[in-house]
Amino acid sequence: MYSKETIIVNKTGLHARPASEFTKQATGFQSDITIANLDSGKEGNAKSIIAVMAMALSKDTKIAVRADGEDEQAAVDALIALIDGGFGEI
């Protein structure tokens, strides 16, 4: 299990486009990946667009990305970099 925390930096949060980009990248990894809203305690499957959208992750929400599997570190590091980079929106 490998995990990292970050804060959503996008002005509009993880709306449809960045959520889609996030889940698309997550599905490229073999590990089981979870995204957790550390402010509300909600967790969801990072490979499910419905689960990610249902979390309603807005700007300044503190989150954790956790992965368990063969490529867990690469998965978490890539997804955290995507979030920290603002999905190219900032």
PDB file of N, CA and C in Angstrom:
ATOM      1  N   MET A   1       0.858  -1.185   0.000  1.00  0.00           N
ATOM      2  CA  MET A   1       0.000   0.000   0.000  1.00  0.00           C
ATOM      3  C   MET A   1       0.894   1.236   0.000  1.00  0.00           C
ATOM      4  N   TYR A   2       0.578   2.157  -0.898  1.00  0.00           N
ATOM      5  CA  TYR A   2       1.315   3.411  -1.018  1.00  0.00           C
ATOM      6  C   TYR A   2       0.291   4.533  -1.094  1.00  0.00           C
ATOM      7  N   SER A   3       0.542   5.631  -0.401  1.00  0.00           N
ATOM      8  CA  SER A   3      -0.441   6.711  -0.315  1.00  0.00           C
ATOM      9  C   SER A   3       0.252   8.065  -0.258  1.00  0.00           C
ATOM     10  N   LYS A   4      -0.413   9.072  -0.836  1.00  0.00           N
ATOM     11  CA  LYS A   4       0.046  10.459  -0.739  1.00  0.00           C
ATOM     12  C   LYS A   4      -1.165  11.359  -0.603  1.00  0.00           C
ATOM     13  N   GLU A   5      -0.946  12.505   0.030  1.00  0.00           N
ATOM     14  CA  GLU A   5      -2.014  13.490   0.202  1.00  0.00           C
ATOM     15  C   GLU A   5      -1.694  14.750  -0.591  1.00  0.00           C
ATOM     16  N   THR A   6      -2.745  15.452  -0.990  1.00  0.00           N
ATOM     17  CA  THR A   6      -2.599  16.726  -1.686  1.00  0.00           C
ATOM     18  C   THR A   6      -3.889  17.520  -1.526  1.00  0.00           C
ATOM     19  N   ILE A   7      -3.913  18.685  -2.135  1.00  0.00           N
ATOM     20  CA  ILE A   7      -5.093  19.557  -2.090  1.00  0.00           C
ATOM     21  C   ILE A   7      -5.501  19.875  -3.528  1.00  0.00           C
ATOM     22  N   ILE A   8      -6.795  19.828  -3.803  1.00  0.00           N
ATOM     23  CA  ILE A   8      -7.315  20.159  -5.132  1.00  0.00           C
ATOM     24  C   ILE A   8      -7.045  21.642  -5.400  1.00  0.00           C
ATOM     25  N   VAL A   9      -6.360  21.930  -6.507  1.00  0.00           N
ATOM     26  CA  VAL A   9      -5.983  23.312  -6.811  1.00  0.00           C
ATOM     27  C   VAL A   9      -6.847  23.951  -7.899  1.00  0.00           C
ATOM     28  N   ASN A  10      -7.573  23.147  -8.650  1.00  0.00           N
ATOM     29  CA  ASN A  10      -8.425  23.695  -9.716  1.00  0.00           C
ATOM     30  C   ASN A  10      -9.500  24.600  -9.150  1.00  0.00           C
ATOM     31  N   LYS A  11      -9.701  25.741  -9.788  1.00  0.00           N
ATOM     32  CA  LYS A  11     -10.706  26.712  -9.350  1.00  0.00           C
ATOM     33  C   LYS A  11     -12.105  26.094  -9.291  1.00  0.00           C
ATOM     34  N   THR A  12     -12.401  25.203 -10.239  1.00  0.00           N
ATOM     35  CA  THR A  12     -13.728  24.577 -10.291  1.00  0.00           C
ATOM     36  C   THR A  12     -13.725  23.146  -9.760  1.00  0.00           C
ATOM     37  N   GLY A  13     -12.653  22.735  -9.107  1.00  0.00           N
ATOM     38  CA  GLY A  13     -12.579  21.397  -8.535  1.00  0.00           C
ATOM     39  C   GLY A  13     -12.455  20.319  -9.597  1.00  0.00           C
ATOM     40  N   LEU A  14     -12.775  19.090  -9.214  1.00  0.00           N
ATOM     41  CA  LEU A  14     -12.714  17.966 -10.148  1.00  0.00           C
ATOM     42  C   LEU A  14     -14.061  17.823 -10.846  1.00  0.00           C
ATOM     43  N   HIS A  15     -14.335  18.732 -11.775  1.00  0.00           N
ATOM     44  CA  HIS A  15     -15.559  18.653 -12.569  1.00  0.00           C
ATOM     45  C   HIS A  15     -15.368  17.582 -13.646  1.00  0.00           C
ATOM     46  N   ALA A  16     -16.273  17.488 -14.584  1.00  0.00           N
ATOM     47  CA  ALA A  16     -16.311  16.377 -15.542  1.00  0.00           C
ATOM     48  C   ALA A  16     -14.997  16.129 -16.287  1.00  0.00           C
ATOM     49  N   ARG A  17     -14.398  17.156 -16.877  1.00  0.00           N
ATOM     50  CA  ARG A  17     -13.196  16.922 -17.678  1.00  0.00           C
ATOM     51  C   ARG A  17     -12.014  16.427 -16.855  1.00  0.00           C
ATOM     52  N   PRO A  18     -11.637  17.112 -15.760  1.00  0.00           N
ATOM     53  CA  PRO A  18     -10.509  16.589 -14.989  1.00  0.00           C
ATOM     54  C   PRO A  18     -10.813  15.245 -14.322  1.00  0.00           C
ATOM     55  N   ALA A  19     -12.054  15.021 -13.919  1.00  0.00           N
ATOM     56  CA  ALA A  19     -12.410  13.728 -13.324  1.00  0.00           C
ATOM     57  C   ALA A  19     -12.252  12.618 -14.355  1.00  0.00           C
ATOM     58  N   SER A  20     -12.639  12.906 -15.593  1.00  0.00           N
ATOM     59  CA  SER A  20     -12.490  11.931 -16.672  1.00  0.00           C
ATOM     60  C   SER A  20     -11.018  11.650 -16.951  1.00  0.00           C
ATOM     61  N   GLU A  21     -10.223  12.697 -16.983  1.00  0.00           N
ATOM     62  CA  GLU A  21      -8.782  12.553 -17.206  1.00  0.00           C
ATOM     63  C   GLU A  21      -8.139  11.752 -16.069  1.00  0.00           C
ATOM     64  N   PHE A  22      -8.563  12.025 -14.837  1.00  0.00           N
ATOM     65  CA  PHE A  22      -8.044  11.324 -13.662  1.00  0.00           C
ATOM     66  C   PHE A  22      -8.352   9.827 -13.747  1.00  0.00           C
ATOM     67  N   THR A  23      -9.613   9.481 -14.020  1.00  0.00           N
ATOM     68  CA  THR A  23      -9.991   8.063 -14.068  1.00  0.00           C
ATOM     69  C   THR A  23      -9.351   7.360 -15.262  1.00  0.00           C
ATOM     70  N   LYS A  24      -9.207   8.071 -16.374  1.00  0.00           N
ATOM     71  CA  LYS A  24      -8.556   7.479 -17.545  1.00  0.00           C
ATOM     72  C   LYS A  24      -7.113   7.119 -17.221  1.00  0.00           C
ATOM     73  N   GLN A  25      -6.412   8.023 -16.542  1.00  0.00           N
ATOM     74  CA  GLN A  25      -5.024   7.737 -16.172  1.00  0.00           C
ATOM     75  C   GLN A  25      -4.972   6.615 -15.134  1.00  0.00           C
ATOM     76  N   ALA A  26      -5.894   6.617 -14.186  1.00  0.00           N
ATOM     77  CA  ALA A  26      -5.919   5.587 -13.140  1.00  0.00           C
ATOM     78  C   ALA A  26      -6.125   4.193 -13.727  1.00  0.00           C
ATOM     79  N   THR A  27      -6.965   4.086 -14.754  1.00  0.00           N
ATOM     80  CA  THR A  27      -7.234   2.768 -15.345  1.00  0.00           C
ATOM     81  C   THR A  27      -6.030   2.208 -16.088  1.00  0.00           C
ATOM     82  N   GLY A  28      -5.044   3.032 -16.346  1.00  0.00           N
ATOM     83  CA  GLY A  28      -3.830   2.564 -16.996  1.00  0.00           C
ATOM     84  C   GLY A  28      -2.892   1.806 -16.069  1.00  0.00           C
ATOM     85  N   PHE A  29      -3.214   1.751 -14.803  1.00  0.00           N
ATOM     86  CA  PHE A  29      -2.385   1.050 -13.823  1.00  0.00           C
ATOM     87  C   PHE A  29      -3.079  -0.226 -13.364  1.00  0.00           C
ATOM     88  N   GLN A  30      -2.283  -1.226 -13.000  1.00  0.00           N
ATOM     89  CA  GLN A  30      -2.829  -2.506 -12.553  1.00  0.00           C
ATOM     90  C   GLN A  30      -3.297  -2.461 -11.103  1.00  0.00           C
ATOM     91  N   SER A  31      -2.718  -1.618 -10.303  1.00  0.00           N
ATOM     92  CA  SER A  31      -3.036  -1.556  -8.870  1.00  0.00           C
ATOM     93  C   SER A  31      -4.483  -1.154  -8.627  1.00  0.00           C
ATOM     94  N   ASP A  32      -5.010  -1.555  -7.471  1.00  0.00           N
ATOM     95  CA  ASP A  32      -6.293  -1.047  -6.994  1.00  0.00           C
ATOM     96  C   ASP A  32      -6.022   0.353  -6.459  1.00  0.00           C
ATOM     97  N   ILE A  33      -6.790   1.341  -6.915  1.00  0.00           N
ATOM     98  CA  ILE A  33      -6.533   2.731  -6.539  1.00  0.00           C
ATOM     99  C   ILE A  33      -7.788   3.343  -5.937  1.00  0.00           C
ATOM    100  N   THR A  34      -7.604   4.018  -4.810  1.00  0.00           N
ATOM    101  CA  THR A  34      -8.701   4.680  -4.108  1.00  0.00           C
ATOM    102  C   THR A  34      -8.377   6.158  -3.962  1.00  0.00           C
ATOM    103  N   ILE A  35      -9.403   6.988  -4.104  1.00  0.00           N
ATOM    104  CA  ILE A  35      -9.268   8.411  -3.814  1.00  0.00           C
ATOM    105  C   ILE A  35     -10.139   8.697  -2.600  1.00  0.00           C
ATOM    106  N   ALA A  36      -9.597   9.443  -1.647  1.00  0.00           N
ATOM    107  CA  ALA A  36     -10.327   9.728  -0.411  1.00  0.00           C
ATOM    108  C   ALA A  36     -10.398  11.227  -0.170  1.00  0.00           C
ATOM    109  N   ASN A  37     -11.583  11.692   0.177  1.00  0.00           N
ATOM    110  CA  ASN A  37     -11.791  13.081   0.581  1.00  0.00           C
ATOM    111  C   ASN A  37     -11.501  13.131   2.078  1.00  0.00           C
ATOM    112  N   LEU A  38     -10.387  13.710   2.458  1.00  0.00           N
ATOM    113  CA  LEU A  38      -9.979  13.728   3.865  1.00  0.00           C
ATOM    114  C   LEU A  38     -10.786  14.718   4.689  1.00  0.00           C
ATOM    115  N   ASP A  39     -11.513  15.620   4.023  1.00  0.00           N
ATOM    116  CA  ASP A  39     -12.370  16.565   4.739  1.00  0.00           C
ATOM    117  C   ASP A  39     -13.693  15.924   5.143  1.00  0.00           C
ATOM    118  N   SER A  40     -14.241  15.060   4.274  1.00  0.00           N
ATOM    119  CA  SER A  40     -15.547  14.447   4.555  1.00  0.00           C
ATOM    120  C   SER A  40     -15.460  12.985   4.966  1.00  0.00           C
ATOM    121  N   GLY A  41     -14.328  12.344   4.666  1.00  0.00           N
ATOM    122  CA  GLY A  41     -14.177  10.930   4.978  1.00  0.00           C
ATOM    123  C   GLY A  41     -14.675   9.999   3.883  1.00  0.00           C
ATOM    124  N   LYS A  42     -15.217  10.540   2.791  1.00  0.00           N
ATOM    125  CA  LYS A  42     -15.710   9.708   1.690  1.00  0.00           C
ATOM    126  C   LYS A  42     -14.540   9.141   0.899  1.00  0.00           C
ATOM    127  N   GLU A  43     -14.718   7.904   0.424  1.00  0.00           N
ATOM    128  CA  GLU A  43     -13.720   7.259  -0.417  1.00  0.00           C
ATOM    129  C   GLU A  43     -14.393   6.694  -1.653  1.00  0.00           C
ATOM    130  N   GLY A  44     -13.621   6.549  -2.726  1.00  0.00           N
ATOM    131  CA  GLY A  44     -14.171   5.976  -3.942  1.00  0.00           C
ATOM    132  C   GLY A  44     -13.098   5.332  -4.787  1.00  0.00           C
ATOM    133  N   ASN A  45     -13.545   4.488  -5.705  1.00  0.00           N
ATOM    134  CA  ASN A  45     -12.671   3.822  -6.654  1.00  0.00           C
ATOM    135  C   ASN A  45     -12.172   4.860  -7.655  1.00  0.00           C
ATOM    136  N   ALA A  46     -10.874   5.063  -7.710  1.00  0.00           N
ATOM    137  CA  ALA A  46     -10.293   6.080  -8.589  1.00  0.00           C
ATOM    138  C   ALA A  46     -10.434   5.731 -10.066  1.00  0.00           C
ATOM    139  N   LYS A  47     -10.810   4.500 -10.369  1.00  0.00           N
ATOM    140  CA  LYS A  47     -10.982   4.085 -11.759  1.00  0.00           C
ATOM    141  C   LYS A  47     -12.428   4.226 -12.224  1.00  0.00           C
ATOM    142  N   SER A  48     -13.291   4.721 -11.354  1.00  0.00           N
ATOM    143  CA  SER A  48     -14.709   4.888 -11.677  1.00  0.00           C
ATOM    144  C   SER A  48     -15.064   6.369 -11.770  1.00  0.00           C
ATOM    145  N   ILE A  49     -15.453   6.824 -12.955  1.00  0.00           N
ATOM    146  CA  ILE A  49     -15.824   8.230 -13.139  1.00  0.00           C
ATOM    147  C   ILE A  49     -17.009   8.586 -12.251  1.00  0.00           C
ATOM    148  N   ILE A  50     -17.934   7.665 -12.084  1.00  0.00           N
ATOM    149  CA  ILE A  50     -19.107   7.924 -11.243  1.00  0.00           C
ATOM    150  C   ILE A  50     -18.687   8.120  -9.792  1.00  0.00           C
ATOM    151  N   ALA A  51     -17.791   7.271  -9.300  1.00  0.00           N
ATOM    152  CA  ALA A  51     -17.325   7.385  -7.913  1.00  0.00           C
ATOM    153  C   ALA A  51     -16.573   8.692  -7.691  1.00  0.00           C
ATOM    154  N   VAL A  52     -15.724   9.064  -8.634  1.00  0.00           N
ATOM    155  CA  VAL A  52     -14.939  10.292  -8.494  1.00  0.00           C
ATOM    156  C   VAL A  52     -15.848  11.519  -8.556  1.00  0.00           C
ATOM    157  N   MET A  53     -16.773  11.544  -9.500  1.00  0.00           N
ATOM    158  CA  MET A  53     -17.702  12.677  -9.619  1.00  0.00           C
ATOM    159  C   MET A  53     -18.613  12.786  -8.392  1.00  0.00           C
ATOM    160  N   ALA A  54     -19.034  11.650  -7.847  1.00  0.00           N
ATOM    161  CA  ALA A  54     -19.936  11.648  -6.687  1.00  0.00           C
ATOM    162  C   ALA A  54     -19.280  12.236  -5.443  1.00  0.00           C
ATOM    163  N   MET A  55     -17.960  12.272  -5.415  1.00  0.00           N
ATOM    164  CA  MET A  55     -17.260  12.814  -4.255  1.00  0.00           C
ATOM    165  C   MET A  55     -17.318  14.338  -4.211  1.00  0.00           C
ATOM    166  N   ALA A  56     -17.692  14.973  -5.333  1.00  0.00           N
ATOM    167  CA  ALA A  56     -17.827  16.436  -5.411  1.00  0.00           C
ATOM    168  C   ALA A  56     -16.600  17.143  -4.831  1.00  0.00           C
ATOM    169  N   LEU A  57     -15.440  16.830  -5.388  1.00  0.00           N
ATOM    170  CA  LEU A  57     -14.185  17.392  -4.894  1.00  0.00           C
ATOM    171  C   LEU A  57     -13.999  18.812  -5.412  1.00  0.00           C
ATOM    172  N   SER A  58     -14.106  19.768  -4.527  1.00  0.00           N
ATOM    173  CA  SER A  58     -14.000  21.178  -4.893  1.00  0.00           C
ATOM    174  C   SER A  58     -12.612  21.725  -4.559  1.00  0.00           C
ATOM    175  N   LYS A  59     -12.351  22.941  -5.019  1.00  0.00           N
ATOM    176  CA  LYS A  59     -11.064  23.602  -4.754  1.00  0.00           C
ATOM    177  C   LYS A  59     -10.778  23.608  -3.254  1.00  0.00           C
ATOM    178  N   ASP A  60      -9.526  23.368  -2.909  1.00  0.00           N
ATOM    179  CA  ASP A  60      -9.009  23.363  -1.540  1.00  0.00           C
ATOM    180  C   ASP A  60      -9.438  22.153  -0.715  1.00  0.00           C
ATOM    181  N   THR A  61     -10.050  21.146  -1.348  1.00  0.00           N
ATOM    182  CA  THR A  61     -10.379  19.909  -0.643  1.00  0.00           C
ATOM    183  C   THR A  61      -9.101  19.100  -0.462  1.00  0.00           C
ATOM    184  N   LYS A  62      -8.866  18.611   0.749  1.00  0.00           N
ATOM    185  CA  LYS A  62      -7.701  17.780   1.033  1.00  0.00           C
ATOM    186  C   LYS A  62      -8.055  16.335   0.698  1.00  0.00           C
ATOM    187  N   ILE A  63      -7.222  15.705  -0.135  1.00  0.00           N
ATOM    188  CA  ILE A  63      -7.494  14.335  -0.558  1.00  0.00           C
ATOM    189  C   ILE A  63      -6.276  13.442  -0.363  1.00  0.00           C
ATOM    190  N   ALA A  64      -6.519  12.140  -0.430  1.00  0.00           N
ATOM    191  CA  ALA A  64      -5.447  11.151  -0.442  1.00  0.00           C
ATOM    192  C   ALA A  64      -5.688  10.228  -1.623  1.00  0.00           C
ATOM    193  N   VAL A  65      -4.617   9.830  -2.275  1.00  0.00           N
ATOM    194  CA  VAL A  65      -4.678   8.819  -3.322  1.00  0.00           C
ATOM    195  C   VAL A  65      -3.884   7.631  -2.796  1.00  0.00           C
ATOM    196  N   ARG A  66      -4.545   6.463  -2.783  1.00  0.00           N
ATOM    197  CA  ARG A  66      -3.923   5.247  -2.254  1.00  0.00           C
ATOM    198  C   ARG A  66      -3.965   4.160  -3.309  1.00  0.00           C
ATOM    199  N   ALA A  67      -2.893   3.393  -3.391  1.00  0.00           N
ATOM    200  CA  ALA A  67      -2.857   2.288  -4.343  1.00  0.00           C
ATOM    201  C   ALA A  67      -2.239   1.070  -3.678  1.00  0.00           C
ATOM    202  N   ASP A  68      -2.693  -0.085  -4.135  1.00  0.00           N
ATOM    203  CA  ASP A  68      -2.176  -1.350  -3.635  1.00  0.00           C
ATOM    204  C   ASP A  68      -1.987  -2.272  -4.830  1.00  0.00           C
ATOM    205  N   GLY A  69      -0.742  -2.635  -5.087  1.00  0.00           N
ATOM    206  CA  GLY A  69      -0.466  -3.520  -6.211  1.00  0.00           C
ATOM    207  C   GLY A  69       0.945  -3.339  -6.723  1.00  0.00           C
ATOM    208  N   GLU A  70       1.206  -4.006  -7.819  1.00  0.00           N
ATOM    209  CA  GLU A  70       2.549  -4.053  -8.384  1.00  0.00           C
ATOM    210  C   GLU A  70       3.103  -2.678  -8.768  1.00  0.00           C
ATOM    211  N   ASP A  71       2.250  -1.808  -9.295  1.00  0.00           N
ATOM    212  CA  ASP A  71       2.708  -0.494  -9.750  1.00  0.00           C
ATOM    213  C   ASP A  71       2.163   0.637  -8.869  1.00  0.00           C
ATOM    214  N   GLU A  72       1.968   0.343  -7.586  1.00  0.00           N
ATOM    215  CA  GLU A  72       1.310   1.289  -6.675  1.00  0.00           C
ATOM    216  C   GLU A  72       2.010   2.640  -6.573  1.00  0.00           C
ATOM    217  N   GLN A  73       3.327   2.646  -6.455  1.00  0.00           N
ATOM    218  CA  GLN A  73       4.031   3.919  -6.300  1.00  0.00           C
ATOM    219  C   GLN A  73       3.939   4.753  -7.574  1.00  0.00           C
ATOM    220  N   ALA A  74       4.127   4.128  -8.719  1.00  0.00           N
ATOM    221  CA  ALA A  74       4.026   4.852  -9.991  1.00  0.00           C
ATOM    222  C   ALA A  74       2.619   5.412 -10.176  1.00  0.00           C
ATOM    223  N   ALA A  75       1.607   4.643  -9.800  1.00  0.00           N
ATOM    224  CA  ALA A  75       0.212   5.075  -9.944  1.00  0.00           C
ATOM    225  C   ALA A  75      -0.070   6.302  -9.091  1.00  0.00           C
ATOM    226  N   VAL A  76       0.269   6.225  -7.824  1.00  0.00           N
ATOM    227  CA  VAL A  76      -0.004   7.341  -6.907  1.00  0.00           C
ATOM    228  C   VAL A  76       0.781   8.578  -7.325  1.00  0.00           C
ATOM    229  N   ASP A  77       2.051   8.404  -7.626  1.00  0.00           N
ATOM    230  CA  ASP A  77       2.878   9.554  -8.011  1.00  0.00           C
ATOM    231  C   ASP A  77       2.338  10.235  -9.271  1.00  0.00           C
ATOM    232  N   ALA A  78       1.904   9.455 -10.255  1.00  0.00           N
ATOM    233  CA  ALA A  78       1.374  10.024 -11.497  1.00  0.00           C
ATOM    234  C   ALA A  78       0.063  10.764 -11.254  1.00  0.00           C
ATOM    235  N   LEU A  79      -0.815  10.193 -10.449  1.00  0.00           N
ATOM    236  CA  LEU A  79      -2.112  10.825 -10.191  1.00  0.00           C
ATOM    237  C   LEU A  79      -1.966  12.082  -9.337  1.00  0.00           C
ATOM    238  N   ILE A  80      -1.063  12.050  -8.372  1.00  0.00           N
ATOM    239  CA  ILE A  80      -0.811  13.241  -7.550  1.00  0.00           C
ATOM    240  C   ILE A  80      -0.218  14.354  -8.419  1.00  0.00           C
ATOM    241  N   ALA A  81       0.691  14.007  -9.327  1.00  0.00           N
ATOM    242  CA  ALA A  81       1.278  15.006 -10.230  1.00  0.00           C
ATOM    243  C   ALA A  81       0.204  15.623 -11.125  1.00  0.00           C
ATOM    244  N   LEU A  82      -0.736  14.808 -11.577  1.00  0.00           N
ATOM    245  CA  LEU A  82      -1.837  15.309 -12.402  1.00  0.00           C
ATOM    246  C   LEU A  82      -2.682  16.314 -11.621  1.00  0.00           C
ATOM    247  N   ILE A  83      -3.009  15.975 -10.385  1.00  0.00           N
ATOM    248  CA  ILE A  83      -3.810  16.864  -9.532  1.00  0.00           C
ATOM    249  C   ILE A  83      -3.037  18.142  -9.214  1.00  0.00           C
ATOM    250  N   ASP A  84      -1.781  17.987  -8.782  1.00  0.00           N
ATOM    251  CA  ASP A  84      -0.967  19.152  -8.420  1.00  0.00           C
ATOM    252  C   ASP A  84      -0.721  20.077  -9.611  1.00  0.00           C
ATOM    253  N   GLY A  85      -0.734  19.513 -10.814  1.00  0.00           N
ATOM    254  CA  GLY A  85      -0.552  20.308 -12.022  1.00  0.00           C
ATOM    255  C   GLY A  85      -1.827  20.992 -12.494  1.00  0.00           C
ATOM    256  N   GLY A  86      -2.917  20.761 -11.784  1.00  0.00           N
ATOM    257  CA  GLY A  86      -4.179  21.421 -12.121  1.00  0.00           C
ATOM    258  C   GLY A  86      -4.806  20.938 -13.415  1.00  0.00           C
ATOM    259  N   PHE A  87      -4.409  19.738 -13.878  1.00  0.00           N
ATOM    260  CA  PHE A  87      -4.974  19.159 -15.100  1.00  0.00           C
ATOM    261  C   PHE A  87      -4.817  20.101 -16.291  1.00  0.00           C
ATOM    262  N   GLY A  88      -3.787  20.933 -16.262  1.00  0.00           N
ATOM    263  CA  GLY A  88      -3.543  21.870 -17.347  1.00  0.00           C
ATOM    264  C   GLY A  88      -4.486  23.067 -17.357  1.00  0.00           C
ATOM    265  N   GLU A  89      -5.279  23.228 -16.296  1.00  0.00           N
ATOM    266  CA  GLU A  89      -6.245  24.331 -16.240  1.00  0.00           C
ATOM    267  C   GLU A  89      -5.722  25.564 -15.516  1.00  0.00           C
ATOM    268  N   ILE A  90      -4.611  25.416 -14.796  1.00  0.00           N
ATOM    269  CA  ILE A  90      -4.101  26.570 -14.047  1.00  0.00           C
ATOM    270  C   ILE A  90      -2.742  26.990 -14.578  1.00  0.00           C
TER     271      ILE A  90
END
